[in-house]
Amino acid sequence: VVYVFTDCVFFFLPGLGFCYSIINGPTNVTVLAGSEARFNCTVSVGWVILIWLSNGNPVLTVISSQGAVETSDRFTSRNYTSSSGFTSELIIHNTQLSDSGKIECSTQQPSENSFAFLSVQVNGSLFIKNSTLTVKKNKTVEIVCEALGWAPAPDITWMTNDSFIDKSRYVTQQSQGSNGLHNALSILTLTPTDTEILTCLADIEALPNPQNATVTVIFVNSTI
């Protein structure tokens, strides 16, 4: 006999009766490629089986009677039990750009699922070709900053000494690279009146601090 009450299903069989559900599902995570990503899923007391899926593919199963069944070194788990329920923590090791997408926690008997999204980002390279540049009085110069192999395309900003430069003074173009990566080219137009240090900054969400490249512009007060 089966009785259904809201989101719980009661099975009454000889010697068997249970009701469990997902209390807290996973939340969205953004990480840099090569690092770990962690997701938690908490189910109520009486759970039987919990399945983790990545983009629709089962990657790890946890069974109450025997623990985690791991089929790949890249997908492992840690388990936590309390009086209110059971928490499975999915750990994705050495994350890759292809891991981005839907991470799902699913139960059986009754079937229920909760999902979140994983965003794996790539920290590419950033450089300005010249570390120093000499500019004479009344001369305008273009300084090029290049970002290669990023995902997603980075936000580019410029600073002079400790101040941000107005966006109207530089132009940034983005292009599609290979293997799902992106490139960006930012050109700053400058007419120096003094020697200054210019910094190009590239930022994506997963970076704790923007990556930067600098150039010292040496001002020569002479038209000769």
N, C-alpha and C. Protein backbone atom coordinates (compact mmCIF):
# COMPACT_ATOMS: atom_id res chain seq x y z
N VAL A 1 0.86 -1.18 0.00
CA VAL A 1 0.00 0.00 0.00
C VAL A 1 0.89 1.23 0.00
N VAL A 2 0.52 2.25 -0.82
CA VAL A 2 1.30 3.48 -0.90
C VAL A 2 0.40 4.66 -0.61
N TYR A 3 0.80 5.51 0.33
CA TYR A 3 0.08 6.74 0.63
C TYR A 3 0.98 7.92 0.31
N VAL A 4 0.41 8.94 -0.34
CA VAL A 4 1.19 10.12 -0.70
C VAL A 4 0.68 11.32 0.08
N PHE A 5 1.57 11.99 0.83
CA PHE A 5 1.23 13.19 1.57
C PHE A 5 2.23 14.27 1.18
N THR A 6 1.77 15.31 0.50
CA THR A 6 2.61 16.40 -0.03
C THR A 6 3.78 15.81 -0.78
N ASP A 7 5.03 16.08 -0.26
CA ASP A 7 6.20 15.61 -1.01
C ASP A 7 6.78 14.33 -0.42
N CYS A 8 6.07 13.69 0.47
CA CYS A 8 6.56 12.45 1.06
C CYS A 8 5.72 11.27 0.57
N VAL A 9 6.38 10.15 0.46
CA VAL A 9 5.68 8.93 0.07
C VAL A 9 5.87 7.90 1.18
N PHE A 10 4.78 7.34 1.66
CA PHE A 10 4.85 6.32 2.71
C PHE A 10 4.60 4.95 2.08
N PHE A 11 5.52 4.05 2.30
CA PHE A 11 5.36 2.68 1.82
C PHE A 11 5.05 1.80 3.04
N PHE A 12 3.94 1.14 3.01
CA PHE A 12 3.61 0.24 4.10
C PHE A 12 3.69 -1.20 3.59
N LEU A 13 4.79 -1.84 3.90
CA LEU A 13 5.03 -3.23 3.59
C LEU A 13 5.34 -3.94 4.90
N PRO A 14 5.31 -5.23 4.89
CA PRO A 14 5.63 -5.93 6.15
C PRO A 14 7.00 -5.53 6.69
N GLY A 15 6.99 -4.87 7.84
CA GLY A 15 8.25 -4.50 8.48
C GLY A 15 8.92 -3.30 7.86
N LEU A 16 8.24 -2.56 6.95
CA LEU A 16 8.92 -1.46 6.27
C LEU A 16 8.00 -0.24 6.20
N GLY A 17 8.55 0.91 6.56
CA GLY A 17 7.83 2.16 6.40
C GLY A 17 8.82 3.30 6.48
N PHE A 18 8.81 4.19 5.49
CA PHE A 18 9.77 5.30 5.55
C PHE A 18 9.26 6.50 4.75
N CYS A 19 9.75 7.67 5.11
CA CYS A 19 9.49 8.89 4.38
C CYS A 19 10.73 9.75 4.48
N TYR A 20 11.27 10.18 3.36
CA TYR A 20 12.44 11.07 3.40
C TYR A 20 12.41 11.99 2.19
N SER A 21 13.10 13.11 2.32
CA SER A 21 13.12 14.09 1.24
C SER A 21 14.42 14.89 1.32
N ILE A 22 14.67 15.68 0.29
CA ILE A 22 15.85 16.55 0.28
C ILE A 22 15.53 17.79 1.10
N ILE A 23 16.33 18.02 2.14
CA ILE A 23 16.12 19.19 3.01
C ILE A 23 16.81 20.42 2.42
N ASN A 24 18.07 20.26 2.05
CA ASN A 24 18.84 21.33 1.43
C ASN A 24 19.61 20.78 0.24
N GLY A 25 19.40 21.37 -0.93
CA GLY A 25 20.11 20.93 -2.12
C GLY A 25 21.39 21.72 -2.33
N PRO A 26 22.12 21.39 -3.38
CA PRO A 26 23.39 22.08 -3.67
C PRO A 26 23.16 23.52 -4.10
N THR A 27 24.19 24.34 -4.00
CA THR A 27 24.14 25.73 -4.45
C THR A 27 25.20 25.96 -5.52
N ASN A 28 25.02 27.01 -6.31
CA ASN A 28 25.93 27.30 -7.43
C ASN A 28 27.36 27.54 -6.95
N VAL A 29 28.30 27.07 -7.76
CA VAL A 29 29.73 27.20 -7.42
C VAL A 29 30.49 27.67 -8.65
N THR A 30 31.43 28.60 -8.45
CA THR A 30 32.33 29.06 -9.50
C THR A 30 33.77 28.86 -9.04
N VAL A 31 34.56 28.14 -9.84
CA VAL A 31 35.94 27.83 -9.47
C VAL A 31 36.86 28.01 -10.67
N LEU A 32 38.17 28.08 -10.38
CA LEU A 32 39.17 28.09 -11.44
C LEU A 32 39.48 26.66 -11.87
N ALA A 33 39.71 26.47 -13.15
CA ALA A 33 40.08 25.14 -13.67
C ALA A 33 41.30 24.61 -12.92
N GLY A 34 41.24 23.32 -12.57
CA GLY A 34 42.33 22.70 -11.84
C GLY A 34 42.12 22.64 -10.34
N SER A 35 41.16 23.41 -9.84
CA SER A 35 40.89 23.41 -8.40
C SER A 35 39.72 22.47 -8.08
N GLU A 36 39.32 22.42 -6.81
CA GLU A 36 38.22 21.57 -6.38
C GLU A 36 36.90 22.34 -6.40
N ALA A 37 35.82 21.62 -6.66
CA ALA A 37 34.47 22.16 -6.51
C ALA A 37 33.71 21.26 -5.55
N ARG A 38 32.97 21.86 -4.62
CA ARG A 38 32.26 21.08 -3.59
C ARG A 38 30.78 21.45 -3.56
N PHE A 39 29.95 20.41 -3.46
CA PHE A 39 28.50 20.59 -3.41
C PHE A 39 27.94 19.75 -2.26
N ASN A 40 26.98 20.30 -1.53
CA ASN A 40 26.34 19.58 -0.43
C ASN A 40 24.88 19.29 -0.73
N CYS A 41 24.43 18.13 -0.29
CA CYS A 41 23.02 17.75 -0.40
C CYS A 41 22.61 17.06 0.89
N THR A 42 21.58 17.59 1.55
CA THR A 42 21.13 17.05 2.83
C THR A 42 19.75 16.41 2.66
N VAL A 43 19.63 15.16 3.10
CA VAL A 43 18.35 14.45 3.04
C VAL A 43 17.92 14.10 4.46
N SER A 44 16.62 13.95 4.64
CA SER A 44 16.08 13.68 5.96
C SER A 44 16.35 12.24 6.39
N VAL A 45 16.13 11.99 7.66
CA VAL A 45 16.32 10.66 8.23
C VAL A 45 15.43 9.64 7.51
N GLY A 46 15.98 8.46 7.28
CA GLY A 46 15.23 7.40 6.61
C GLY A 46 15.60 7.24 5.15
N TRP A 47 16.60 8.02 4.71
CA TRP A 47 17.00 7.96 3.30
C TRP A 47 17.60 6.58 2.98
N VAL A 48 17.55 6.21 1.71
CA VAL A 48 18.04 4.91 1.28
C VAL A 48 19.19 5.05 0.27
N ILE A 49 18.99 5.89 -0.75
CA ILE A 49 20.00 6.04 -1.78
C ILE A 49 20.02 7.48 -2.29
N LEU A 50 21.22 7.96 -2.59
CA LEU A 50 21.41 9.31 -3.11
C LEU A 50 22.37 9.24 -4.29
N ILE A 51 21.99 9.86 -5.39
CA ILE A 51 22.81 9.79 -6.61
C ILE A 51 23.21 11.21 -7.03
N TRP A 52 24.49 11.40 -7.31
CA TRP A 52 25.00 12.66 -7.85
C TRP A 52 25.16 12.53 -9.36
N LEU A 53 24.69 13.55 -10.09
CA LEU A 53 24.83 13.56 -11.54
C LEU A 53 25.51 14.85 -11.99
N SER A 54 26.35 14.74 -13.01
CA SER A 54 27.00 15.89 -13.63
C SER A 54 26.55 15.96 -15.08
N ASN A 55 25.85 17.04 -15.41
CA ASN A 55 25.28 17.20 -16.76
C ASN A 55 24.50 15.97 -17.20
N GLY A 56 23.72 15.42 -16.26
CA GLY A 56 22.85 14.29 -16.55
C GLY A 56 23.48 12.93 -16.43
N ASN A 57 24.79 12.87 -16.19
CA ASN A 57 25.50 11.59 -16.09
C ASN A 57 25.80 11.26 -14.63
N PRO A 58 25.38 10.07 -14.15
CA PRO A 58 25.68 9.68 -12.77
C PRO A 58 27.20 9.59 -12.55
N VAL A 59 27.68 10.24 -11.49
CA VAL A 59 29.13 10.22 -11.22
C VAL A 59 29.45 9.62 -9.86
N LEU A 60 28.44 9.54 -8.97
CA LEU A 60 28.70 8.98 -7.64
C LEU A 60 27.37 8.60 -7.00
N THR A 61 27.36 7.46 -6.32
CA THR A 61 26.16 6.98 -5.63
C THR A 61 26.48 6.73 -4.17
N VAL A 62 25.57 7.16 -3.29
CA VAL A 62 25.72 6.91 -1.85
C VAL A 62 24.54 6.05 -1.40
N ILE A 63 24.86 4.91 -0.80
CA ILE A 63 23.83 3.98 -0.33
C ILE A 63 23.91 3.93 1.19
N SER A 64 22.78 4.06 1.85
CA SER A 64 22.77 4.15 3.32
C SER A 64 23.40 2.93 3.98
N SER A 65 23.22 1.77 3.35
CA SER A 65 23.69 0.52 3.98
C SER A 65 25.17 0.24 3.74
N GLN A 66 25.80 0.91 2.75
CA GLN A 66 27.20 0.60 2.46
C GLN A 66 28.08 1.80 2.18
N GLY A 67 27.53 2.99 2.10
CA GLY A 67 28.33 4.19 1.90
C GLY A 67 28.46 4.56 0.43
N ALA A 68 29.51 5.32 0.12
CA ALA A 68 29.69 5.86 -1.23
C ALA A 68 30.24 4.82 -2.19
N VAL A 69 29.70 4.82 -3.40
CA VAL A 69 30.21 3.98 -4.48
C VAL A 69 30.85 4.93 -5.50
N GLU A 70 32.19 4.99 -5.47
CA GLU A 70 32.93 5.92 -6.33
C GLU A 70 33.47 5.19 -7.55
N THR A 71 33.22 5.74 -8.72
CA THR A 71 33.66 5.10 -9.97
C THR A 71 34.77 5.88 -10.66
N SER A 72 35.12 7.06 -10.11
CA SER A 72 36.17 7.88 -10.70
C SER A 72 36.93 8.61 -9.61
N ASP A 73 38.25 8.72 -9.77
CA ASP A 73 39.07 9.43 -8.79
C ASP A 73 38.75 10.92 -8.75
N ARG A 74 38.13 11.43 -9.82
CA ARG A 74 37.82 12.86 -9.87
C ARG A 74 36.55 13.22 -9.11
N PHE A 75 35.72 12.22 -8.81
CA PHE A 75 34.47 12.47 -8.10
C PHE A 75 34.47 11.64 -6.81
N THR A 76 34.69 12.31 -5.69
CA THR A 76 34.69 11.62 -4.40
C THR A 76 33.71 12.33 -3.48
N SER A 77 33.53 11.78 -2.27
CA SER A 77 32.56 12.38 -1.36
C SER A 77 33.01 12.29 0.09
N ARG A 78 32.42 13.15 0.89
CA ARG A 78 32.51 13.08 2.34
C ARG A 78 31.09 13.10 2.87
N ASN A 79 30.87 12.41 3.99
CA ASN A 79 29.52 12.29 4.53
C ASN A 79 29.44 12.82 5.95
N TYR A 80 28.32 13.44 6.28
CA TYR A 80 28.09 14.00 7.60
C TYR A 80 26.69 13.61 8.06
N THR A 81 26.59 13.09 9.27
CA THR A 81 25.30 12.65 9.81
C THR A 81 24.97 13.45 11.05
N SER A 82 23.72 13.92 11.14
CA SER A 82 23.24 14.62 12.32
C SER A 82 21.87 14.08 12.70
N SER A 83 21.31 14.60 13.78
CA SER A 83 20.00 14.12 14.23
C SER A 83 18.89 14.48 13.25
N SER A 84 19.12 15.53 12.44
CA SER A 84 18.07 15.97 11.53
C SER A 84 18.18 15.37 10.14
N GLY A 85 19.35 14.79 9.81
CA GLY A 85 19.48 14.22 8.47
C GLY A 85 20.90 13.82 8.12
N PHE A 86 21.09 13.53 6.85
CA PHE A 86 22.36 13.07 6.33
C PHE A 86 22.81 14.01 5.21
N THR A 87 24.08 14.43 5.26
CA THR A 87 24.61 15.33 4.24
C THR A 87 25.72 14.63 3.46
N SER A 88 25.57 14.63 2.15
CA SER A 88 26.60 14.11 1.26
C SER A 88 27.28 15.31 0.60
N GLU A 89 28.61 15.36 0.68
CA GLU A 89 29.39 16.41 0.02
C GLU A 89 30.10 15.80 -1.18
N LEU A 90 29.73 16.26 -2.37
CA LEU A 90 30.40 15.82 -3.60
C LEU A 90 31.61 16.71 -3.82
N ILE A 91 32.77 16.08 -4.06
CA ILE A 91 34.00 16.81 -4.32
C ILE A 91 34.47 16.47 -5.73
N ILE A 92 34.54 17.48 -6.58
CA ILE A 92 35.05 17.29 -7.94
C ILE A 92 36.48 17.79 -7.97
N HIS A 93 37.42 16.87 -8.23
CA HIS A 93 38.84 17.20 -8.22
C HIS A 93 39.31 17.61 -9.61
N ASN A 94 40.33 18.47 -9.64
CA ASN A 94 40.95 18.88 -10.91
C ASN A 94 39.87 19.26 -11.93
N THR A 95 39.05 20.22 -11.57
CA THR A 95 37.93 20.62 -12.43
C THR A 95 38.42 21.05 -13.81
N GLN A 96 37.61 20.74 -14.81
CA GLN A 96 37.90 21.06 -16.19
C GLN A 96 36.78 21.91 -16.77
N LEU A 97 37.09 22.65 -17.82
CA LEU A 97 36.08 23.51 -18.44
C LEU A 97 34.84 22.71 -18.82
N SER A 98 35.03 21.46 -19.23
CA SER A 98 33.91 20.60 -19.65
C SER A 98 33.02 20.18 -18.48
N ASP A 99 33.48 20.38 -17.24
CA ASP A 99 32.66 20.06 -16.07
C ASP A 99 31.57 21.09 -15.83
N SER A 100 31.69 22.25 -16.45
CA SER A 100 30.69 23.30 -16.26
C SER A 100 29.31 22.79 -16.64
N GLY A 101 28.32 23.19 -15.86
CA GLY A 101 26.95 22.77 -16.17
C GLY A 101 26.19 22.39 -14.92
N LYS A 102 25.22 21.51 -15.09
CA LYS A 102 24.26 21.16 -14.06
C LYS A 102 24.79 20.05 -13.15
N ILE A 103 24.80 20.30 -11.85
CA ILE A 103 25.16 19.30 -10.84
C ILE A 103 23.88 18.98 -10.07
N GLU A 104 23.53 17.69 -10.04
CA GLU A 104 22.22 17.30 -9.52
C GLU A 104 22.34 16.26 -8.42
N CYS A 105 21.56 16.46 -7.38
CA CYS A 105 21.43 15.50 -6.28
C CYS A 105 20.07 14.85 -6.40
N SER A 106 20.03 13.52 -6.49
CA SER A 106 18.78 12.83 -6.75
C SER A 106 18.59 11.69 -5.75
N THR A 107 17.35 11.48 -5.31
CA THR A 107 17.02 10.37 -4.42
C THR A 107 16.12 9.39 -5.16
N GLN A 108 16.00 8.21 -4.59
CA GLN A 108 15.10 7.19 -5.14
C GLN A 108 14.14 6.78 -4.03
N GLN A 109 12.94 6.40 -4.44
CA GLN A 109 11.93 5.88 -3.51
C GLN A 109 11.66 6.85 -2.36
N PRO A 110 11.06 7.99 -2.49
CA PRO A 110 10.52 8.54 -3.73
C PRO A 110 11.60 9.26 -4.54
N SER A 111 11.33 9.43 -5.82
CA SER A 111 12.28 10.13 -6.67
C SER A 111 12.14 11.64 -6.49
N GLU A 112 13.25 12.30 -6.18
CA GLU A 112 13.26 13.74 -5.96
C GLU A 112 14.65 14.24 -6.35
N ASN A 113 14.74 15.44 -6.87
CA ASN A 113 16.06 15.95 -7.22
C ASN A 113 16.16 17.44 -6.92
N SER A 114 17.40 17.87 -6.73
CA SER A 114 17.70 19.28 -6.51
C SER A 114 19.00 19.55 -7.25
N PHE A 115 19.10 20.71 -7.88
CA PHE A 115 20.30 20.94 -8.70
C PHE A 115 20.87 22.34 -8.53
N ALA A 116 22.12 22.48 -8.95
CA ALA A 116 22.81 23.76 -8.96
C ALA A 116 23.70 23.76 -10.20
N PHE A 117 24.42 24.85 -10.40
CA PHE A 117 25.27 24.94 -11.58
C PHE A 117 26.73 25.17 -11.18
N LEU A 118 27.60 24.48 -11.90
CA LEU A 118 29.04 24.64 -11.72
C LEU A 118 29.58 25.46 -12.89
N SER A 119 30.32 26.50 -12.57
CA SER A 119 31.00 27.30 -13.58
C SER A 119 32.50 27.17 -13.38
N VAL A 120 33.16 26.52 -14.34
CA VAL A 120 34.62 26.37 -14.28
C VAL A 120 35.23 27.44 -15.19
N GLN A 121 36.09 28.26 -14.64
CA GLN A 121 36.68 29.36 -15.39
C GLN A 121 38.19 29.16 -15.54
N VAL A 122 38.74 29.74 -16.60
CA VAL A 122 40.16 29.56 -16.91
C VAL A 122 40.88 30.89 -16.82
N ASN A 123 41.95 30.90 -16.02
CA ASN A 123 42.80 32.07 -15.86
C ASN A 123 43.90 32.01 -16.92
N GLY A 124 43.78 32.84 -17.95
CA GLY A 124 44.74 32.80 -19.05
C GLY A 124 45.96 33.68 -18.80
N SER A 125 46.60 34.10 -19.87
CA SER A 125 47.80 34.95 -19.77
C SER A 125 47.43 36.40 -20.05
N LEU A 126 48.27 37.31 -19.55
CA LEU A 126 48.06 38.75 -19.75
C LEU A 126 49.42 39.41 -19.89
N PHE A 127 49.58 40.20 -20.92
CA PHE A 127 50.89 40.84 -21.07
C PHE A 127 50.81 42.12 -21.89
N ILE A 128 51.77 43.02 -21.62
CA ILE A 128 52.05 44.21 -22.42
C ILE A 128 53.45 44.00 -22.97
N LYS A 129 53.63 44.13 -24.26
CA LYS A 129 54.89 43.74 -24.90
C LYS A 129 56.11 44.46 -24.33
N ASN A 130 55.98 45.76 -24.07
CA ASN A 130 57.12 46.52 -23.56
C ASN A 130 56.94 46.84 -22.09
N SER A 131 58.00 46.65 -21.31
CA SER A 131 57.92 46.98 -19.88
C SER A 131 58.17 48.47 -19.64
N THR A 132 58.86 49.11 -20.56
CA THR A 132 59.07 50.57 -20.49
C THR A 132 58.83 51.18 -21.86
N LEU A 133 58.43 52.45 -21.86
CA LEU A 133 58.13 53.15 -23.10
C LEU A 133 58.48 54.62 -22.91
N THR A 134 59.24 55.15 -23.84
CA THR A 134 59.64 56.56 -23.77
C THR A 134 58.78 57.38 -24.73
N VAL A 135 58.18 58.44 -24.21
CA VAL A 135 57.29 59.28 -25.01
C VAL A 135 57.69 60.75 -24.86
N LYS A 136 57.84 61.44 -25.99
CA LYS A 136 58.20 62.85 -25.95
C LYS A 136 56.98 63.74 -25.75
N LYS A 137 57.25 64.96 -25.39
CA LYS A 137 56.20 65.95 -25.14
C LYS A 137 55.29 66.11 -26.36
N ASN A 138 53.98 66.19 -26.07
CA ASN A 138 52.93 66.40 -27.09
C ASN A 138 52.75 65.20 -28.03
N LYS A 139 53.31 64.07 -27.68
CA LYS A 139 53.17 62.88 -28.51
C LYS A 139 52.11 61.94 -27.91
N THR A 140 51.29 61.37 -28.79
CA THR A 140 50.27 60.41 -28.37
C THR A 140 50.75 59.00 -28.67
N VAL A 141 50.51 58.10 -27.73
CA VAL A 141 50.98 56.73 -27.89
C VAL A 141 49.83 55.76 -27.61
N GLU A 142 49.85 54.63 -28.28
CA GLU A 142 48.88 53.55 -28.03
C GLU A 142 49.59 52.41 -27.32
N ILE A 143 49.03 51.99 -26.19
CA ILE A 143 49.60 50.90 -25.41
C ILE A 143 48.64 49.71 -25.50
N VAL A 144 49.18 48.56 -25.90
CA VAL A 144 48.36 47.38 -26.15
C VAL A 144 48.54 46.35 -25.03
N CYS A 145 47.42 45.91 -24.49
CA CYS A 145 47.41 44.85 -23.48
C CYS A 145 46.65 43.66 -24.06
N GLU A 146 47.25 42.47 -23.98
CA GLU A 146 46.64 41.30 -24.62
C GLU A 146 46.39 40.19 -23.60
N ALA A 147 45.15 39.69 -23.61
CA ALA A 147 44.76 38.57 -22.75
C ALA A 147 44.47 37.37 -23.65
N LEU A 148 45.13 36.24 -23.36
CA LEU A 148 44.98 35.05 -24.20
C LEU A 148 44.56 33.84 -23.38
N GLY A 149 43.60 33.06 -23.91
CA GLY A 149 43.24 31.77 -23.32
C GLY A 149 42.44 31.86 -22.03
N TRP A 150 41.41 32.69 -22.02
CA TRP A 150 40.57 32.85 -20.84
C TRP A 150 39.19 32.22 -21.06
N ALA A 151 38.52 31.91 -19.97
CA ALA A 151 37.11 31.50 -20.02
C ALA A 151 36.46 31.91 -18.69
N PRO A 152 35.46 32.77 -18.74
CA PRO A 152 34.99 33.49 -19.94
C PRO A 152 35.98 34.59 -20.31
N ALA A 153 35.64 35.40 -21.32
CA ALA A 153 36.50 36.53 -21.68
C ALA A 153 36.60 37.47 -20.47
N PRO A 154 37.80 37.93 -20.13
CA PRO A 154 37.96 38.75 -18.93
C PRO A 154 37.48 40.18 -19.13
N ASP A 155 37.13 40.82 -18.02
CA ASP A 155 36.87 42.27 -18.02
C ASP A 155 38.21 42.98 -17.92
N ILE A 156 38.47 43.91 -18.82
CA ILE A 156 39.74 44.63 -18.85
C ILE A 156 39.52 46.06 -18.35
N THR A 157 40.36 46.49 -17.42
CA THR A 157 40.39 47.88 -16.96
C THR A 157 41.84 48.35 -16.91
N TRP A 158 42.01 49.66 -16.86
CA TRP A 158 43.35 50.26 -16.80
C TRP A 158 43.46 51.18 -15.59
N MET A 159 44.68 51.24 -15.05
CA MET A 159 44.96 52.15 -13.95
C MET A 159 46.24 52.93 -14.25
N THR A 160 46.29 54.16 -13.77
CA THR A 160 47.52 54.93 -13.79
C THR A 160 47.86 55.26 -12.36
N ASN A 161 49.06 54.84 -11.94
CA ASN A 161 49.43 54.92 -10.53
C ASN A 161 48.36 54.20 -9.71
N ASP A 162 47.55 54.89 -8.90
CA ASP A 162 46.54 54.21 -8.09
C ASP A 162 45.12 54.57 -8.50
N SER A 163 44.94 55.16 -9.68
CA SER A 163 43.63 55.61 -10.10
C SER A 163 43.17 54.89 -11.37
N PHE A 164 41.89 54.57 -11.43
CA PHE A 164 41.34 53.96 -12.63
C PHE A 164 41.23 54.99 -13.75
N ILE A 165 41.52 54.55 -14.96
CA ILE A 165 41.44 55.40 -16.14
C ILE A 165 40.04 55.30 -16.72
N ASP A 166 39.51 56.44 -17.16
CA ASP A 166 38.17 56.47 -17.75
C ASP A 166 38.09 55.55 -18.96
N LYS A 167 36.97 54.81 -19.07
CA LYS A 167 36.82 53.82 -20.13
C LYS A 167 36.80 54.43 -21.53
N SER A 168 36.54 55.72 -21.62
CA SER A 168 36.52 56.37 -22.93
C SER A 168 37.92 56.48 -23.54
N ARG A 169 38.96 56.23 -22.74
CA ARG A 169 40.33 56.37 -23.21
C ARG A 169 40.93 55.06 -23.73
N TYR A 170 40.16 53.97 -23.64
CA TYR A 170 40.67 52.71 -24.20
C TYR A 170 39.54 51.91 -24.84
N VAL A 171 39.94 51.07 -25.78
CA VAL A 171 39.00 50.22 -26.51
C VAL A 171 39.41 48.77 -26.33
N THR A 172 38.44 47.91 -25.99
CA THR A 172 38.72 46.50 -25.78
C THR A 172 37.91 45.65 -26.74
N GLN A 173 38.59 44.74 -27.41
CA GLN A 173 37.93 43.82 -28.34
C GLN A 173 38.10 42.39 -27.84
N GLN A 174 37.04 41.61 -27.96
CA GLN A 174 37.08 40.21 -27.55
C GLN A 174 36.94 39.31 -28.76
N SER A 175 37.58 38.14 -28.71
CA SER A 175 37.50 37.19 -29.82
C SER A 175 37.49 35.77 -29.28
N GLN A 176 36.93 34.87 -30.08
CA GLN A 176 36.87 33.45 -29.71
C GLN A 176 38.20 32.79 -30.04
N GLY A 177 38.79 32.12 -29.05
CA GLY A 177 40.02 31.38 -29.28
C GLY A 177 39.71 29.92 -29.58
N SER A 178 40.58 29.03 -29.15
CA SER A 178 40.39 27.59 -29.38
C SER A 178 39.95 26.90 -28.09
N ASN A 179 39.35 25.72 -28.23
CA ASN A 179 38.95 24.89 -27.09
C ASN A 179 38.03 25.61 -26.12
N GLY A 180 37.16 26.48 -26.65
CA GLY A 180 36.21 27.18 -25.81
C GLY A 180 36.79 28.35 -25.03
N LEU A 181 38.03 28.73 -25.33
CA LEU A 181 38.69 29.83 -24.63
C LEU A 181 38.50 31.14 -25.39
N HIS A 182 38.77 32.24 -24.70
CA HIS A 182 38.54 33.57 -25.27
C HIS A 182 39.79 34.43 -25.15
N ASN A 183 39.91 35.37 -26.07
CA ASN A 183 41.00 36.34 -26.06
C ASN A 183 40.42 37.74 -25.97
N ALA A 184 41.24 38.68 -25.48
CA ALA A 184 40.83 40.08 -25.43
C ALA A 184 42.04 40.95 -25.73
N LEU A 185 41.79 42.04 -26.46
CA LEU A 185 42.84 42.98 -26.82
C LEU A 185 42.36 44.37 -26.43
N SER A 186 43.12 45.05 -25.56
CA SER A 186 42.73 46.37 -25.09
C SER A 186 43.80 47.39 -25.48
N ILE A 187 43.37 48.48 -26.11
CA ILE A 187 44.29 49.51 -26.58
C ILE A 187 44.00 50.83 -25.86
N LEU A 188 44.99 51.31 -25.12
CA LEU A 188 44.88 52.57 -24.39
C LEU A 188 45.59 53.67 -25.16
N THR A 189 44.89 54.77 -25.40
CA THR A 189 45.47 55.92 -26.08
C THR A 189 45.83 56.98 -25.05
N LEU A 190 47.09 57.43 -25.10
CA LEU A 190 47.61 58.28 -24.02
C LEU A 190 48.51 59.38 -24.57
N THR A 191 48.34 60.60 -24.05
CA THR A 191 49.27 61.70 -24.33
C THR A 191 49.88 62.11 -22.99
N PRO A 192 51.03 61.55 -22.64
CA PRO A 192 51.59 61.75 -21.31
C PRO A 192 52.03 63.19 -21.06
N THR A 193 51.92 63.60 -19.80
CA THR A 193 52.46 64.89 -19.36
C THR A 193 53.46 64.68 -18.24
N ASP A 194 53.65 63.43 -17.86
CA ASP A 194 54.60 63.11 -16.80
C ASP A 194 54.91 61.62 -16.87
N THR A 195 55.96 61.19 -16.24
CA THR A 195 56.29 59.77 -16.16
C THR A 195 55.27 59.08 -15.25
N GLU A 196 54.75 57.95 -15.69
CA GLU A 196 53.74 57.25 -14.90
C GLU A 196 53.79 55.74 -15.15
N ILE A 197 53.25 55.01 -14.19
CA ILE A 197 53.14 53.55 -14.31
C ILE A 197 51.71 53.20 -14.67
N LEU A 198 51.55 52.50 -15.78
CA LEU A 198 50.22 52.08 -16.23
C LEU A 198 50.03 50.59 -15.97
N THR A 199 48.86 50.25 -15.52
CA THR A 199 48.55 48.85 -15.21
C THR A 199 47.30 48.41 -15.95
N CYS A 200 47.40 47.29 -16.64
CA CYS A 200 46.26 46.65 -17.29
C CYS A 200 45.80 45.51 -16.38
N LEU A 201 44.50 45.48 -16.07
CA LEU A 201 43.96 44.45 -15.18
C LEU A 201 42.92 43.61 -15.91
N ALA A 202 42.99 42.30 -15.72
CA ALA A 202 42.02 41.35 -16.30
C ALA A 202 41.36 40.59 -15.16
N ASP A 203 40.03 40.52 -15.20
CA ASP A 203 39.32 39.93 -14.07
C ASP A 203 38.20 39.00 -14.54
N ILE A 204 38.04 37.88 -13.83
CA ILE A 204 36.90 36.98 -13.96
C ILE A 204 36.43 36.65 -12.56
N GLU A 205 35.22 36.14 -12.44
CA GLU A 205 34.61 35.93 -11.13
C GLU A 205 35.43 35.03 -10.21
N ALA A 206 36.04 33.99 -10.76
CA ALA A 206 36.73 33.00 -9.93
C ALA A 206 38.07 33.49 -9.39
N LEU A 207 38.61 34.57 -9.94
CA LEU A 207 39.89 35.08 -9.47
C LEU A 207 39.70 35.88 -8.18
N PRO A 208 40.49 35.59 -7.14
CA PRO A 208 40.39 36.39 -5.92
C PRO A 208 40.84 37.83 -6.14
N ASN A 209 41.82 38.01 -7.03
CA ASN A 209 42.30 39.34 -7.40
C ASN A 209 42.57 39.36 -8.89
N PRO A 210 42.35 40.51 -9.57
CA PRO A 210 42.61 40.56 -11.01
C PRO A 210 44.07 40.28 -11.33
N GLN A 211 44.29 39.66 -12.47
CA GLN A 211 45.66 39.52 -12.97
C GLN A 211 46.06 40.87 -13.57
N ASN A 212 47.37 41.22 -13.51
CA ASN A 212 47.76 42.53 -14.00
C ASN A 212 49.08 42.48 -14.76
N ALA A 213 49.24 43.44 -15.64
CA ALA A 213 50.49 43.65 -16.38
C ALA A 213 50.77 45.15 -16.36
N THR A 214 52.04 45.54 -16.24
CA THR A 214 52.37 46.96 -16.10
C THR A 214 53.38 47.41 -17.14
N VAL A 215 53.36 48.71 -17.39
CA VAL A 215 54.34 49.35 -18.26
C VAL A 215 54.68 50.72 -17.66
N THR A 216 55.94 51.07 -17.67
CA THR A 216 56.36 52.39 -17.21
C THR A 216 56.53 53.31 -18.40
N VAL A 217 55.76 54.39 -18.43
CA VAL A 217 55.83 55.36 -19.51
C VAL A 217 56.74 56.51 -19.04
N ILE A 218 57.86 56.65 -19.71
CA ILE A 218 58.85 57.69 -19.35
C ILE A 218 58.60 58.91 -20.22
N PHE A 219 58.26 60.00 -19.55
CA PHE A 219 57.94 61.25 -20.24
C PHE A 219 59.22 62.08 -20.45
N VAL A 220 59.46 62.47 -21.70
CA VAL A 220 60.62 63.31 -22.02
C VAL A 220 60.10 64.69 -22.42
N ASN A 221 60.44 65.68 -21.61
CA ASN A 221 59.94 67.04 -21.83
C ASN A 221 60.76 67.74 -22.90
N SER A 222 60.66 67.19 -24.12
CA SER A 222 61.41 67.76 -25.23
C SER A 222 60.76 67.33 -26.52
N THR A 223 60.77 68.20 -27.52
CA THR A 223 60.22 67.85 -28.82
C THR A 223 61.32 67.48 -29.80
N ILE A 224 62.57 67.49 -29.30
CA ILE A 224 63.72 67.18 -30.16
C ILE A 224 63.90 65.67 -30.23
